[in-house]
Amino acid sequence: MMNKFVAVNFGLMFLICVTILTLSDARLTQLEASFSRTLDSVDRLIAAIEKCWNNTAWNHIVQAELAFGKKNPVRLPELSPPPPDPKGHVHRPFLDETISLTCAAGSSQPNDVVWKHKGHPLPLSQTVGIFRYSRARDNALILHNVTYAAWGKFECHQRCPNYGAGAFCMQTEHWVFPKPVPMVHEVYAQRMPPVVVPRYMPFSVTCQLDFPCSPDPAQHFIWRYAGVYLAWPPSHYLQQTACIVPERQTLMIHTNYSEMTGADGRQHCASTLTLHVPWQNHTGGKLSCWARSDITQQEWYVLTTPVQFNGSLPYPDKCRC
């Protein structure tokens, strides 16, 4: 980006210098003043770009995209320390892996220990369905063939008689963030269908994930159209791309985030993008939904669908009132 503006600077200087040699002294004075103002304007533009954009970040993004090609996942650079892990033990098992969550309780009686998932008490075992677990003799909770249904916080509570009959005190806290092997179908609940719409008409596309939303759903998604980043998680460094991609400013963009209930009763994190492409002579492009299951990591899986504009409508550039 900087090289382009340096080239503009030198090219402009050369052109004006050649012109100056053929003009009168009066015109020379006028052109010198104009030339000075032009250089000041270019310098201010370069300074503005340097202020709002991190060149190192841009280089890392380009390298990540080149490494991506047609493979998943894309590993964007960690330009700042990741957010701290939640309080307690953190586990990041692969899907279908089996893990054990230990409890610090001293009693070996199963009825003296209660495990909770997302605040809800768990029965002693569950051997069917998409969330399967059992208890070990030491009251550890064993998660079998982990799925996204195990996502979230687990708590181990032990009976504490000193606080009265039926009272339980929390002993240990675990967080489980299941992650996929590099396969797109383990992240997305369904593919995004191709989009065919009349030219200049707004359209919406929903990207639905195969797991529940975190407390901040926007942290799971990045949207991109025709090579332009459109939406990203709050405070993500992709925010800095907006100042050097003027195409984004011409797109009407709206995103919302929700938790959808599937036919199987499971919760799915979803984002809907509404887009209006006003570019003339633009016939379509690729729309990509980037998603991550672990919001503390910069590991993104990419699902793409084609967008095609069929026909055209009068371009709303003039009011014919």
C-alpha atoms as a PDB file:
ATOM      1  CA  MET A   1       0.000   0.000   0.000  1.00  0.00           C
ATOM      2  CA  MET A   2       2.814   2.413   0.910  1.00  0.00           C
ATOM      3  CA  ASN A   3       4.735   1.641  -2.281  1.00  0.00           C
ATOM      4  CA  LYS A   4       1.747   2.785  -4.338  1.00  0.00           C
ATOM      5  CA  PHE A   5       1.660   6.177  -2.675  1.00  0.00           C
ATOM      6  CA  VAL A   6       5.434   6.628  -2.936  1.00  0.00           C
ATOM      7  CA  ALA A   7       5.134   5.849  -6.644  1.00  0.00           C
ATOM      8  CA  VAL A   8       2.355   8.436  -6.942  1.00  0.00           C
ATOM      9  CA  ASN A   9       4.589  10.986  -5.246  1.00  0.00           C
ATOM     10  CA  PHE A  10       7.545  10.486  -7.593  1.00  0.00           C
ATOM     11  CA  GLY A  11       5.393  10.107 -10.705  1.00  0.00           C
ATOM     12  CA  LEU A  12       3.559  13.306  -9.939  1.00  0.00           C
ATOM     13  CA  MET A  13       6.817  15.184  -9.331  1.00  0.00           C
ATOM     14  CA  PHE A  14       8.289  14.037 -12.652  1.00  0.00           C
ATOM     15  CA  LEU A  15       5.189  14.967 -14.658  1.00  0.00           C
ATOM     16  CA  ILE A  16       4.924  18.439 -13.153  1.00  0.00           C
ATOM     17  CA  CYS A  17       8.665  19.121 -13.548  1.00  0.00           C
ATOM     18  CA  VAL A  18       8.501  18.325 -17.271  1.00  0.00           C
ATOM     19  CA  THR A  19       5.488  20.588 -17.670  1.00  0.00           C
ATOM     20  CA  ILE A  20       7.143  23.431 -15.773  1.00  0.00           C
ATOM     21  CA  LEU A  21      10.036  23.602 -18.259  1.00  0.00           C
ATOM     22  CA  THR A  22       7.644  24.585 -21.060  1.00  0.00           C
ATOM     23  CA  LEU A  23       5.709  27.308 -19.290  1.00  0.00           C
ATOM     24  CA  SER A  24       6.159  31.001 -18.571  1.00  0.00           C
ATOM     25  CA  ASP A  25       7.456  32.411 -15.304  1.00  0.00           C
ATOM     26  CA  ALA A  26       3.939  33.502 -14.257  1.00  0.00           C
ATOM     27  CA  ARG A  27       2.518  30.071 -14.790  1.00  0.00           C
ATOM     28  CA  LEU A  28       5.593  28.650 -13.095  1.00  0.00           C
ATOM     29  CA  THR A  29       4.781  30.438  -9.839  1.00  0.00           C
ATOM     30  CA  GLN A  30       1.178  29.204  -9.939  1.00  0.00           C
ATOM     31  CA  LEU A  31       2.190  25.628 -10.644  1.00  0.00           C
ATOM     32  CA  GLU A  32       4.796  25.645  -7.883  1.00  0.00           C
ATOM     33  CA  ALA A  33       2.107  26.620  -5.371  1.00  0.00           C
ATOM     34  CA  SER A  34      -0.293  23.978  -6.746  1.00  0.00           C
ATOM     35  CA  PHE A  35       2.454  21.375  -6.681  1.00  0.00           C
ATOM     36  CA  SER A  36       3.210  22.174  -3.036  1.00  0.00           C
ATOM     37  CA  ARG A  37      -0.458  21.842  -2.093  1.00  0.00           C
ATOM     38  CA  THR A  38      -0.693  18.495  -3.942  1.00  0.00           C
ATOM     39  CA  LEU A  39       2.337  17.093  -2.129  1.00  0.00           C
ATOM     40  CA  ASP A  40       0.888  18.230   1.197  1.00  0.00           C
ATOM     41  CA  SER A  41      -2.385  16.452   0.348  1.00  0.00           C
ATOM     42  CA  VAL A  42      -0.595  13.211  -0.584  1.00  0.00           C
ATOM     43  CA  ASP A  43       1.531  13.363   2.561  1.00  0.00           C
ATOM     44  CA  ARG A  44      -1.566  13.807   4.709  1.00  0.00           C
ATOM     45  CA  LEU A  45      -3.203  10.803   3.008  1.00  0.00           C
ATOM     46  CA  ILE A  46      -0.126   8.640   3.605  1.00  0.00           C
ATOM     47  CA  ALA A  47       0.017   9.758   7.241  1.00  0.00           C
ATOM     48  CA  ALA A  48      -3.674   8.887   7.702  1.00  0.00           C
ATOM     49  CA  ILE A  49      -3.143   5.385   6.318  1.00  0.00           C
ATOM     50  CA  GLU A  50      -0.090   4.835   8.506  1.00  0.00           C
ATOM     51  CA  LYS A  51      -2.105   5.946  11.524  1.00  0.00           C
ATOM     52  CA  CYS A  52      -5.100   3.647  11.015  1.00  0.00           C
ATOM     53  CA  TRP A  53      -3.419   0.542   9.623  1.00  0.00           C
ATOM     54  CA  ASN A  54      -0.803  -1.878  10.881  1.00  0.00           C
ATOM     55  CA  ASN A  55       1.359  -3.000   7.922  1.00  0.00           C
ATOM     56  CA  THR A  56       2.612  -5.977   9.896  1.00  0.00           C
ATOM     57  CA  ALA A  57      -0.970  -7.120  10.452  1.00  0.00           C
ATOM     58  CA  TRP A  58      -1.752  -6.786   6.750  1.00  0.00           C
ATOM     59  CA  ASN A  59       1.307  -8.838   5.746  1.00  0.00           C
ATOM     60  CA  HIS A  60       0.374 -11.585   8.195  1.00  0.00           C
ATOM     61  CA  ILE A  61      -3.207 -11.722   6.876  1.00  0.00           C
ATOM     62  CA  VAL A  62      -2.002 -12.010   3.284  1.00  0.00           C
ATOM     63  CA  GLN A  63       0.382 -14.814   4.248  1.00  0.00           C
ATOM     64  CA  ALA A  64      -2.392 -16.656   6.087  1.00  0.00           C
ATOM     65  CA  GLU A  65      -4.687 -16.412   3.061  1.00  0.00           C
ATOM     66  CA  LEU A  66      -1.969 -17.644   0.696  1.00  0.00           C
ATOM     67  CA  ALA A  67      -1.325 -20.596   2.999  1.00  0.00           C
ATOM     68  CA  PHE A  68      -5.056 -21.280   3.132  1.00  0.00           C
ATOM     69  CA  GLY A  69      -5.652 -21.822  -0.594  1.00  0.00           C
ATOM     70  CA  LYS A  70      -8.543 -24.280  -0.649  1.00  0.00           C
ATOM     71  CA  LYS A  71      -7.754 -25.882   2.695  1.00  0.00           C
ATOM     72  CA  ASN A  72      -9.231 -25.419   6.155  1.00  0.00           C
ATOM     73  CA  PRO A  73      -8.617 -24.002   8.660  1.00  0.00           C
ATOM     74  CA  VAL A  74      -7.172 -20.520   8.132  1.00  0.00           C
ATOM     75  CA  ARG A  75      -4.864 -19.584  10.985  1.00  0.00           C
ATOM     76  CA  LEU A  76      -4.847 -15.832  11.336  1.00  0.00           C
ATOM     77  CA  PRO A  77      -1.911 -14.392  13.277  1.00  0.00           C
ATOM     78  CA  GLU A  78      -2.077 -13.754  17.010  1.00  0.00           C
ATOM     79  CA  LEU A  79      -1.157 -10.070  16.982  1.00  0.00           C
ATOM     80  CA  SER A  80      -2.084  -9.581  20.635  1.00  0.00           C
ATOM     81  CA  PRO A  81      -2.237 -11.909  23.620  1.00  0.00           C
ATOM     82  CA  PRO A  82      -5.385 -14.073  23.527  1.00  0.00           C
ATOM     83  CA  PRO A  83      -7.991 -13.377  26.202  1.00  0.00           C
ATOM     84  CA  PRO A  84      -7.342 -15.242  29.440  1.00  0.00           C
ATOM     85  CA  ASP A  85      -8.900 -18.659  29.818  1.00  0.00           C
ATOM     86  CA  PRO A  86     -11.978 -18.821  32.040  1.00  0.00           C
ATOM     87  CA  LYS A  87     -11.502 -19.566  35.706  1.00  0.00           C
ATOM     88  CA  GLY A  88     -10.898 -23.263  36.278  1.00  0.00           C
ATOM     89  CA  HIS A  89      -9.393 -26.071  34.228  1.00  0.00           C
ATOM     90  CA  VAL A  90      -9.635 -25.640  30.456  1.00  0.00           C
ATOM     91  CA  HIS A  91      -9.913 -28.602  28.078  1.00  0.00           C
ATOM     92  CA  ARG A  92      -9.824 -28.450  24.267  1.00  0.00           C
ATOM     93  CA  PRO A  93     -10.510 -32.024  23.127  1.00  0.00           C
ATOM     94  CA  PHE A  94     -11.006 -32.973  19.504  1.00  0.00           C
ATOM     95  CA  LEU A  95     -14.456 -34.135  18.491  1.00  0.00           C
ATOM     96  CA  ASP A  96     -15.013 -37.857  19.241  1.00  0.00           C
ATOM     97  CA  GLU A  97     -12.226 -37.810  21.846  1.00  0.00           C
ATOM     98  CA  THR A  98     -12.863 -39.154  25.380  1.00  0.00           C
ATOM     99  CA  ILE A  99     -11.704 -37.072  28.348  1.00  0.00           C
ATOM    100  CA  SER A 100     -11.954 -37.235  32.147  1.00  0.00           C
ATOM    101  CA  LEU A 101     -12.852 -34.295  34.398  1.00  0.00           C
ATOM    102  CA  THR A 102     -11.547 -34.776  37.917  1.00  0.00           C
ATOM    103  CA  CYS A 103     -13.318 -33.743  41.102  1.00  0.00           C
ATOM    104  CA  ALA A 104     -11.519 -32.707  44.262  1.00  0.00           C
ATOM    105  CA  ALA A 105     -14.277 -34.099  46.467  1.00  0.00           C
ATOM    106  CA  GLY A 106     -13.090 -36.382  49.253  1.00  0.00           C
ATOM    107  CA  SER A 107     -16.152 -38.597  49.472  1.00  0.00           C
ATOM    108  CA  SER A 108     -16.391 -41.740  47.370  1.00  0.00           C
ATOM    109  CA  GLN A 109     -20.187 -41.964  47.652  1.00  0.00           C
ATOM    110  CA  PRO A 110     -21.837 -41.045  44.327  1.00  0.00           C
ATOM    111  CA  ASN A 111     -24.830 -39.465  46.072  1.00  0.00           C
ATOM    112  CA  ASP A 112     -22.502 -37.060  47.882  1.00  0.00           C
ATOM    113  CA  VAL A 113     -21.277 -35.556  44.595  1.00  0.00           C
ATOM    114  CA  VAL A 114     -23.271 -33.658  41.961  1.00  0.00           C
ATOM    115  CA  TRP A 115     -21.914 -32.651  38.566  1.00  0.00           C
ATOM    116  CA  LYS A 116     -23.463 -29.701  36.745  1.00  0.00           C
ATOM    117  CA  HIS A 117     -23.204 -28.659  33.092  1.00  0.00           C
ATOM    118  CA  LYS A 118     -24.064 -25.040  32.312  1.00  0.00           C
ATOM    119  CA  GLY A 119     -25.670 -24.852  35.744  1.00  0.00           C
ATOM    120  CA  HIS A 120     -27.927 -27.908  35.273  1.00  0.00           C
ATOM    121  CA  PRO A 121     -27.416 -31.037  37.457  1.00  0.00           C
ATOM    122  CA  LEU A 122     -26.430 -34.178  35.553  1.00  0.00           C
ATOM    123  CA  PRO A 123     -27.745 -37.694  36.299  1.00  0.00           C
ATOM    124  CA  LEU A 124     -25.118 -40.266  37.253  1.00  0.00           C
ATOM    125  CA  SER A 125     -24.680 -41.374  33.627  1.00  0.00           C
ATOM    126  CA  GLN A 126     -25.987 -40.950  30.107  1.00  0.00           C
ATOM    127  CA  THR A 127     -24.972 -43.535  27.549  1.00  0.00           C
ATOM    128  CA  VAL A 128     -27.130 -42.565  24.552  1.00  0.00           C
ATOM    129  CA  GLY A 129     -27.565 -39.482  22.423  1.00  0.00           C
ATOM    130  CA  ILE A 130     -25.036 -36.871  21.399  1.00  0.00           C
ATOM    131  CA  PHE A 131     -23.895 -36.141  24.965  1.00  0.00           C
ATOM    132  CA  ARG A 132     -22.595 -39.308  26.601  1.00  0.00           C
ATOM    133  CA  TYR A 133     -20.828 -39.512  29.935  1.00  0.00           C
ATOM    134  CA  SER A 134     -20.333 -41.726  32.980  1.00  0.00           C
ATOM    135  CA  ARG A 135     -18.917 -41.541  36.509  1.00  0.00           C
ATOM    136  CA  ALA A 136     -15.628 -43.106  37.575  1.00  0.00           C
ATOM    137  CA  ARG A 137     -15.162 -44.584  41.064  1.00  0.00           C
ATOM    138  CA  ASP A 138     -13.424 -41.430  42.243  1.00  0.00           C
ATOM    139  CA  ASN A 139     -16.422 -39.404  40.970  1.00  0.00           C
ATOM    140  CA  ALA A 140     -14.504 -38.067  37.960  1.00  0.00           C
ATOM    141  CA  LEU A 141     -16.820 -37.303  35.048  1.00  0.00           C
ATOM    142  CA  ILE A 142     -15.844 -39.149  31.857  1.00  0.00           C
ATOM    143  CA  LEU A 143     -17.068 -37.569  28.610  1.00  0.00           C
ATOM    144  CA  HIS A 144     -17.307 -40.210  25.885  1.00  0.00           C
ATOM    145  CA  ASN A 145     -16.888 -39.352  22.202  1.00  0.00           C
ATOM    146  CA  VAL A 146     -17.017 -35.622  22.796  1.00  0.00           C
ATOM    147  CA  THR A 147     -19.443 -33.588  20.667  1.00  0.00           C
ATOM    148  CA  TYR A 148     -20.289 -29.885  20.657  1.00  0.00           C
ATOM    149  CA  ALA A 149     -23.065 -30.720  23.128  1.00  0.00           C
ATOM    150  CA  ALA A 150     -20.315 -30.893  25.789  1.00  0.00           C
ATOM    151  CA  TRP A 151     -19.313 -27.268  25.141  1.00  0.00           C
ATOM    152  CA  GLY A 152     -19.328 -25.069  28.250  1.00  0.00           C
ATOM    153  CA  LYS A 153     -18.733 -25.130  32.005  1.00  0.00           C
ATOM    154  CA  PHE A 154     -18.788 -28.219  34.223  1.00  0.00           C
ATOM    155  CA  GLU A 155     -18.904 -27.940  38.015  1.00  0.00           C
ATOM    156  CA  CYS A 156     -18.330 -30.611  40.641  1.00  0.00           C
ATOM    157  CA  HIS A 157     -20.271 -30.074  43.903  1.00  0.00           C
ATOM    158  CA  GLN A 158     -19.865 -32.079  47.119  1.00  0.00           C
ATOM    159  CA  ARG A 159     -22.326 -32.397  49.969  1.00  0.00           C
ATOM    160  CA  CYS A 160     -21.298 -30.102  52.815  1.00  0.00           C
ATOM    161  CA  PRO A 161     -23.285 -30.965  55.990  1.00  0.00           C
ATOM    162  CA  ASN A 162     -21.939 -27.954  57.874  1.00  0.00           C
ATOM    163  CA  TYR A 163     -24.270 -25.766  55.811  1.00  0.00           C
ATOM    164  CA  GLY A 164     -27.355 -27.831  56.516  1.00  0.00           C
ATOM    165  CA  ALA A 165     -29.044 -30.910  55.112  1.00  0.00           C
ATOM    166  CA  GLY A 166     -29.048 -31.062  51.307  1.00  0.00           C
ATOM    167  CA  ALA A 167     -26.382 -28.359  50.940  1.00  0.00           C
ATOM    168  CA  PHE A 168     -23.650 -28.813  48.309  1.00  0.00           C
ATOM    169  CA  CYS A 169     -20.440 -26.828  47.884  1.00  0.00           C
ATOM    170  CA  MET A 170     -18.559 -26.424  44.598  1.00  0.00           C
ATOM    171  CA  GLN A 171     -15.196 -28.179  44.539  1.00  0.00           C
ATOM    172  CA  THR A 172     -13.884 -27.928  40.976  1.00  0.00           C
ATOM    173  CA  GLU A 173     -14.716 -26.015  37.804  1.00  0.00           C
ATOM    174  CA  HIS A 174     -13.898 -27.196  34.269  1.00  0.00           C
ATOM    175  CA  TRP A 175     -14.384 -25.539  30.873  1.00  0.00           C
ATOM    176  CA  VAL A 176     -14.657 -27.723  27.774  1.00  0.00           C
ATOM    177  CA  PHE A 177     -14.137 -26.279  24.276  1.00  0.00           C
ATOM    178  CA  PRO A 178     -14.457 -29.111  21.725  1.00  0.00           C
ATOM    179  CA  LYS A 179     -12.577 -28.434  18.495  1.00  0.00           C
ATOM    180  CA  PRO A 180     -12.877 -30.096  15.092  1.00  0.00           C
ATOM    181  CA  VAL A 181     -10.280 -31.822  13.031  1.00  0.00           C
ATOM    182  CA  PRO A 182      -9.696 -29.809   9.827  1.00  0.00           C
ATOM    183  CA  MET A 183     -13.053 -30.657   8.263  1.00  0.00           C
ATOM    184  CA  VAL A 184     -15.655 -28.034   7.429  1.00  0.00           C
ATOM    185  CA  HIS A 185     -18.682 -30.282   8.000  1.00  0.00           C
ATOM    186  CA  GLU A 186     -17.736 -30.556  11.683  1.00  0.00           C
ATOM    187  CA  VAL A 187     -18.149 -26.793  12.124  1.00  0.00           C
ATOM    188  CA  TYR A 188     -21.197 -25.897  10.036  1.00  0.00           C
ATOM    189  CA  ALA A 189     -24.673 -27.336  10.533  1.00  0.00           C
ATOM    190  CA  GLN A 190     -25.437 -26.953   6.819  1.00  0.00           C
ATOM    191  CA  ARG A 191     -24.037 -25.444   3.666  1.00  0.00           C
ATOM    192  CA  MET A 192     -25.048 -22.001   2.444  1.00  0.00           C
ATOM    193  CA  PRO A 193     -27.092 -22.295  -0.778  1.00  0.00           C
ATOM    194  CA  PRO A 194     -26.007 -20.364  -3.898  1.00  0.00           C
ATOM    195  CA  VAL A 195     -27.500 -16.875  -4.158  1.00  0.00           C
ATOM    196  CA  VAL A 196     -29.127 -15.618  -7.380  1.00  0.00           C
ATOM    197  CA  VAL A 197     -30.779 -12.192  -7.050  1.00  0.00           C
ATOM    198  CA  PRO A 198     -31.652  -9.234  -9.300  1.00  0.00           C
ATOM    199  CA  ARG A 199     -28.851  -6.720  -9.613  1.00  0.00           C
ATOM    200  CA  TYR A 200     -28.834  -3.892  -7.034  1.00  0.00           C
ATOM    201  CA  MET A 201     -31.300  -5.752  -4.804  1.00  0.00           C
ATOM    202  CA  PRO A 202     -30.401  -6.403  -1.130  1.00  0.00           C
ATOM    203  CA  PHE A 203     -30.153 -10.042  -0.062  1.00  0.00           C
ATOM    204  CA  SER A 204     -29.574 -11.992   3.162  1.00  0.00           C
ATOM    205  CA  VAL A 205     -27.590 -15.158   3.851  1.00  0.00           C
ATOM    206  CA  THR A 206     -27.536 -17.171   7.101  1.00  0.00           C
ATOM    207  CA  CYS A 207     -24.493 -19.073   8.300  1.00  0.00           C
ATOM    208  CA  GLN A 208     -25.427 -21.751  10.856  1.00  0.00           C
ATOM    209  CA  LEU A 209     -22.860 -23.492  13.063  1.00  0.00           C
ATOM    210  CA  ASP A 210     -23.001 -26.948  14.606  1.00  0.00           C
ATOM    211  CA  PHE A 211     -22.616 -25.729  18.187  1.00  0.00           C
ATOM    212  CA  PRO A 212     -24.193 -23.219  20.604  1.00  0.00           C
ATOM    213  CA  CYS A 213     -23.148 -19.576  20.787  1.00  0.00           C
ATOM    214  CA  SER A 214     -20.787 -18.329  23.429  1.00  0.00           C
ATOM    215  CA  PRO A 215     -22.008 -15.405  25.588  1.00  0.00           C
ATOM    216  CA  ASP A 216     -20.763 -13.093  22.800  1.00  0.00           C
ATOM    217  CA  PRO A 217     -22.026 -14.665  19.536  1.00  0.00           C
ATOM    218  CA  ALA A 218     -20.324 -12.109  17.284  1.00  0.00           C
ATOM    219  CA  GLN A 219     -16.953 -13.515  18.376  1.00  0.00           C
ATOM    220  CA  HIS A 220     -17.597 -16.636  16.274  1.00  0.00           C
ATOM    221  CA  PHE A 221     -17.942 -15.035  12.811  1.00  0.00           C
ATOM    222  CA  ILE A 222     -16.126 -13.207  10.027  1.00  0.00           C
ATOM    223  CA  TRP A 223     -17.945 -12.338   6.786  1.00  0.00           C
ATOM    224  CA  ARG A 224     -16.248 -11.627   3.464  1.00  0.00           C
ATOM    225  CA  TYR A 225     -17.513 -10.824  -0.043  1.00  0.00           C
ATOM    226  CA  ALA A 226     -15.487 -10.546  -3.272  1.00  0.00           C
ATOM    227  CA  GLY A 227     -12.251 -10.365  -1.291  1.00  0.00           C
ATOM    228  CA  VAL A 228     -13.495  -7.591   1.018  1.00  0.00           C
ATOM    229  CA  TYR A 229     -13.851  -8.198   4.766  1.00  0.00           C
ATOM    230  CA  LEU A 230     -17.338  -7.086   5.799  1.00  0.00           C
ATOM    231  CA  ALA A 231     -17.851  -8.037   9.455  1.00  0.00           C
ATOM    232  CA  TRP A 232     -15.595  -9.318  12.209  1.00  0.00           C
ATOM    233  CA  PRO A 233     -15.651  -9.876  15.979  1.00  0.00           C
ATOM    234  CA  PRO A 234     -15.745  -6.766  18.165  1.00  0.00           C
ATOM    235  CA  SER A 235     -12.256  -5.361  18.819  1.00  0.00           C
ATOM    236  CA  HIS A 236     -10.684  -7.733  16.276  1.00  0.00           C
ATOM    237  CA  TYR A 237      -7.706  -6.292  14.400  1.00  0.00           C
ATOM    238  CA  LEU A 238      -9.563  -6.779  11.083  1.00  0.00           C
ATOM    239  CA  GLN A 239     -11.326  -3.550  12.070  1.00  0.00           C
ATOM    240  CA  GLN A 240      -8.240  -1.788  10.720  1.00  0.00           C
ATOM    241  CA  THR A 241      -8.884  -3.046   7.183  1.00  0.00           C
ATOM    242  CA  ALA A 242     -11.898  -0.753   6.867  1.00  0.00           C
ATOM    243  CA  CYS A 243      -9.713   2.325   6.447  1.00  0.00           C
ATOM    244  CA  ILE A 244      -7.889   1.050   3.337  1.00  0.00           C
ATOM    245  CA  VAL A 245     -10.709  -0.803   1.579  1.00  0.00           C
ATOM    246  CA  PRO A 246     -13.044   1.889   0.223  1.00  0.00           C
ATOM    247  CA  GLU A 247     -15.176  -0.814  -1.427  1.00  0.00           C
ATOM    248  CA  ARG A 248     -16.525  -1.740   1.992  1.00  0.00           C
ATOM    249  CA  GLN A 249     -17.922   1.747   2.430  1.00  0.00           C
ATOM    250  CA  THR A 250     -20.110   1.301  -0.666  1.00  0.00           C
ATOM    251  CA  LEU A 251     -21.761  -1.880   0.635  1.00  0.00           C
ATOM    252  CA  MET A 252     -24.841  -1.694   2.822  1.00  0.00           C
ATOM    253  CA  ILE A 253     -24.033  -4.202   5.566  1.00  0.00           C
ATOM    254  CA  HIS A 254     -26.109  -5.491   8.455  1.00  0.00           C
ATOM    255  CA  THR A 255     -25.378  -8.524  10.594  1.00  0.00           C
ATOM    256  CA  ASN A 256     -27.290 -10.115  13.437  1.00  0.00           C
ATOM    257  CA  TYR A 257     -26.549 -13.113  15.601  1.00  0.00           C
ATOM    258  CA  SER A 258     -28.930 -15.628  17.132  1.00  0.00           C
ATOM    259  CA  GLU A 259     -29.205 -19.115  18.536  1.00  0.00           C
ATOM    260  CA  MET A 260     -31.392 -21.362  16.386  1.00  0.00           C
ATOM    261  CA  THR A 261     -33.018 -24.607  17.475  1.00  0.00           C
ATOM    262  CA  GLY A 262     -32.510 -27.441  14.997  1.00  0.00           C
ATOM    263  CA  ALA A 263     -34.899 -30.245  14.136  1.00  0.00           C
ATOM    264  CA  ASP A 264     -33.047 -32.428  16.639  1.00  0.00           C
ATOM    265  CA  GLY A 265     -33.703 -29.921  19.446  1.00  0.00           C
ATOM    266  CA  ARG A 266     -30.073 -28.796  19.612  1.00  0.00           C
ATOM    267  CA  GLN A 267     -28.980 -25.172  19.733  1.00  0.00           C
ATOM    268  CA  HIS A 268     -27.028 -23.776  16.782  1.00  0.00           C
ATOM    269  CA  CYS A 269     -25.136 -20.486  16.706  1.00  0.00           C
ATOM    270  CA  ALA A 270     -26.073 -18.479  13.603  1.00  0.00           C
ATOM    271  CA  SER A 271     -25.278 -15.199  11.895  1.00  0.00           C
ATOM    272  CA  THR A 272     -27.317 -13.523   9.154  1.00  0.00           C
ATOM    273  CA  LEU A 273     -25.669 -11.051   6.784  1.00  0.00           C
ATOM    274  CA  THR A 274     -27.725  -8.583   4.747  1.00  0.00           C
ATOM    275  CA  LEU A 275     -25.809  -7.118   1.823  1.00  0.00           C
ATOM    276  CA  HIS A 276     -26.518  -4.564  -0.901  1.00  0.00           C
ATOM    277  CA  VAL A 277     -23.969  -4.437  -3.739  1.00  0.00           C
ATOM    278  CA  PRO A 278     -24.361  -1.163  -5.696  1.00  0.00           C
ATOM    279  CA  TRP A 279     -21.316  -1.635  -7.937  1.00  0.00           C
ATOM    280  CA  GLN A 280     -22.019  -1.061 -11.609  1.00  0.00           C
ATOM    281  CA  ASN A 281     -21.147  -3.830 -14.093  1.00  0.00           C
ATOM    282  CA  HIS A 282     -20.698  -6.252 -11.181  1.00  0.00           C
ATOM    283  CA  THR A 283     -22.089  -9.709 -11.973  1.00  0.00           C
ATOM    284  CA  GLY A 284     -21.301 -11.501  -8.695  1.00  0.00           C
ATOM    285  CA  GLY A 285     -18.613 -12.997  -6.497  1.00  0.00           C
ATOM    286  CA  LYS A 286     -17.891 -15.368  -3.630  1.00  0.00           C
ATOM    287  CA  LEU A 287     -19.432 -14.871  -0.187  1.00  0.00           C
ATOM    288  CA  SER A 288     -17.546 -16.504   2.682  1.00  0.00           C
ATOM    289  CA  CYS A 289     -18.551 -17.202   6.271  1.00  0.00           C
ATOM    290  CA  TRP A 290     -15.547 -17.739   8.539  1.00  0.00           C
ATOM    291  CA  ALA A 291     -16.263 -19.435  11.881  1.00  0.00           C
ATOM    292  CA  ARG A 292     -14.337 -20.544  14.954  1.00  0.00           C
ATOM    293  CA  SER A 293     -15.530 -22.839  17.718  1.00  0.00           C
ATOM    294  CA  ASP A 294     -13.041 -21.538  20.298  1.00  0.00           C
ATOM    295  CA  ILE A 295     -13.268 -17.764  20.599  1.00  0.00           C
ATOM    296  CA  THR A 296      -9.867 -17.572  22.324  1.00  0.00           C
ATOM    297  CA  GLN A 297      -8.119 -18.909  19.190  1.00  0.00           C
ATOM    298  CA  GLN A 298      -7.449 -17.460  15.722  1.00  0.00           C
ATOM    299  CA  GLU A 299      -8.266 -20.724  13.944  1.00  0.00           C
ATOM    300  CA  TRP A 300     -11.023 -20.158  11.388  1.00  0.00           C
ATOM    301  CA  TYR A 301     -12.957 -22.521   9.132  1.00  0.00           C
ATOM    302  CA  VAL A 302     -14.292 -21.157   5.857  1.00  0.00           C
ATOM    303  CA  LEU A 303     -17.566 -21.921   4.077  1.00  0.00           C
ATOM    304  CA  THR A 304     -18.150 -20.257   0.682  1.00  0.00           C
ATOM    305  CA  THR A 305     -21.132 -19.822  -1.607  1.00  0.00           C
ATOM    306  CA  PRO A 306     -21.387 -18.085  -5.012  1.00  0.00           C
ATOM    307  CA  VAL A 307     -23.467 -14.928  -5.488  1.00  0.00           C
ATOM    308  CA  GLN A 308     -24.822 -14.152  -8.949  1.00  0.00           C
ATOM    309  CA  PHE A 309     -26.809 -11.111 -10.043  1.00  0.00           C
ATOM    310  CA  ASN A 310     -29.464 -12.002 -12.563  1.00  0.00           C
ATOM    311  CA  GLY A 311     -30.588  -9.127 -14.768  1.00  0.00           C
ATOM    312  CA  SER A 312     -30.521  -5.528 -13.696  1.00  0.00           C
ATOM    313  CA  LEU A 313     -32.722  -2.780 -12.350  1.00  0.00           C
ATOM    314  CA  PRO A 314     -32.392   0.978 -12.930  1.00  0.00           C
ATOM    315  CA  TYR A 315     -29.367   2.103 -10.957  1.00  0.00           C
ATOM    316  CA  PRO A 316     -30.521   4.623  -8.305  1.00  0.00           C
ATOM    317  CA  ASP A 317     -27.903   7.269  -9.111  1.00  0.00           C
ATOM    318  CA  LYS A 318     -30.318  10.008 -10.155  1.00  0.00           C
ATOM    319  CA  CYS A 319     -33.674  11.069  -8.871  1.00  0.00           C
ATOM    320  CA  ARG A 320     -36.258  11.104 -11.635  1.00  0.00           C
ATOM    321  CA  CYS A 321     -38.946  12.864  -9.632  1.00  0.00           C
END
